[in-house]
Amino acid sequence: SAPTAYSQRQTLEEDAPELLERLQEDQADVALLVPL
């Protein structure tokens, strides 16, 4: 789960890079992102 504060800036600058790092660490092939 990757909750956000509904801020586009925060999502782009903080949440997305962290999520990408987690996916790369897990060697994920696919990520399904569902907007609220």
N, C-alpha and C. Protein backbone atom coordinates (compact mmCIF):
# COMPACT_ATOMS: atom_id res chain seq x y z
N SER A 1 0.84 -1.18 0.00
CA SER A 1 0.00 0.00 0.00
C SER A 1 0.89 1.24 0.00
N ALA A 2 0.49 2.24 -0.76
CA ALA A 2 1.25 3.47 -0.84
C ALA A 2 0.32 4.67 -0.77
N PRO A 3 -0.14 5.01 0.44
CA PRO A 3 -1.05 6.14 0.55
C PRO A 3 -0.34 7.45 0.23
N THR A 4 -1.10 8.41 -0.26
CA THR A 4 -0.54 9.73 -0.53
C THR A 4 -1.37 10.78 0.19
N ALA A 5 -0.88 12.00 0.19
CA ALA A 5 -1.57 13.11 0.83
C ALA A 5 -2.40 13.89 -0.19
N TYR A 6 -2.70 13.28 -1.33
CA TYR A 6 -3.48 13.92 -2.39
C TYR A 6 -2.79 15.16 -2.95
N SER A 7 -1.49 15.22 -2.84
CA SER A 7 -0.70 16.33 -3.35
C SER A 7 0.09 15.84 -4.56
N GLN A 8 -0.13 16.46 -5.72
CA GLN A 8 0.58 16.04 -6.93
C GLN A 8 2.09 16.23 -6.75
N ARG A 9 2.50 17.35 -6.16
CA ARG A 9 3.92 17.60 -5.94
C ARG A 9 4.53 16.52 -5.06
N GLN A 10 3.88 16.21 -3.95
CA GLN A 10 4.41 15.20 -3.04
C GLN A 10 4.44 13.83 -3.71
N THR A 11 3.41 13.52 -4.48
CA THR A 11 3.37 12.23 -5.17
C THR A 11 4.55 12.12 -6.13
N LEU A 12 4.78 13.16 -6.93
CA LEU A 12 5.86 13.11 -7.93
C LEU A 12 7.24 13.16 -7.30
N GLU A 13 7.42 13.97 -6.27
CA GLU A 13 8.75 14.19 -5.71
C GLU A 13 9.12 13.22 -4.60
N GLU A 14 8.15 12.66 -3.90
CA GLU A 14 8.45 11.82 -2.74
C GLU A 14 7.91 10.40 -2.88
N ASP A 15 6.60 10.29 -3.12
CA ASP A 15 5.97 8.97 -3.09
C ASP A 15 6.39 8.09 -4.27
N ALA A 16 6.39 8.65 -5.48
CA ALA A 16 6.72 7.86 -6.66
C ALA A 16 8.15 7.32 -6.63
N PRO A 17 9.16 8.13 -6.29
CA PRO A 17 10.51 7.59 -6.22
C PRO A 17 10.64 6.47 -5.16
N GLU A 18 9.97 6.63 -4.03
CA GLU A 18 10.01 5.59 -3.00
C GLU A 18 9.35 4.31 -3.49
N LEU A 19 8.23 4.45 -4.15
CA LEU A 19 7.53 3.29 -4.69
C LEU A 19 8.38 2.58 -5.73
N LEU A 20 9.02 3.34 -6.62
CA LEU A 20 9.90 2.75 -7.63
C LEU A 20 11.04 2.00 -6.97
N GLU A 21 11.63 2.57 -5.93
CA GLU A 21 12.72 1.90 -5.22
C GLU A 21 12.25 0.57 -4.63
N ARG A 22 11.08 0.56 -4.02
CA ARG A 22 10.53 -0.68 -3.44
C ARG A 22 10.31 -1.74 -4.52
N LEU A 23 9.76 -1.31 -5.66
CA LEU A 23 9.49 -2.25 -6.76
C LEU A 23 10.80 -2.82 -7.30
N GLN A 24 11.81 -1.99 -7.44
CA GLN A 24 13.10 -2.47 -7.94
C GLN A 24 13.75 -3.42 -6.94
N GLU A 25 13.67 -3.13 -5.65
CA GLU A 25 14.22 -4.02 -4.63
C GLU A 25 13.55 -5.38 -4.67
N ASP A 26 12.24 -5.39 -4.92
CA ASP A 26 11.48 -6.64 -4.99
C ASP A 26 11.58 -7.31 -6.35
N GLN A 27 12.28 -6.68 -7.29
CA GLN A 27 12.40 -7.18 -8.66
C GLN A 27 11.04 -7.48 -9.26
N ALA A 28 10.10 -6.57 -9.04
CA ALA A 28 8.74 -6.74 -9.55
C ALA A 28 8.72 -6.60 -11.07
N ASP A 29 7.89 -7.40 -11.71
CA ASP A 29 7.71 -7.32 -13.16
C ASP A 29 6.58 -6.37 -13.52
N VAL A 30 5.61 -6.24 -12.63
CA VAL A 30 4.42 -5.43 -12.91
C VAL A 30 3.98 -4.72 -11.64
N ALA A 31 3.48 -3.51 -11.80
CA ALA A 31 2.87 -2.78 -10.68
C ALA A 31 1.50 -2.29 -11.14
N LEU A 32 0.50 -2.58 -10.36
CA LEU A 32 -0.86 -2.13 -10.66
C LEU A 32 -1.17 -0.98 -9.72
N LEU A 33 -1.28 0.22 -10.27
CA LEU A 33 -1.54 1.41 -9.48
C LEU A 33 -2.98 1.84 -9.70
N VAL A 34 -3.74 1.97 -8.62
CA VAL A 34 -5.16 2.30 -8.70
C VAL A 34 -5.39 3.63 -8.00
N PRO A 35 -5.87 4.64 -8.72
CA PRO A 35 -6.12 5.94 -8.09
C PRO A 35 -7.34 5.87 -7.17
N LEU A 36 -7.35 6.72 -6.18
CA LEU A 36 -8.49 6.79 -5.27
C LEU A 36 -9.59 7.62 -5.87
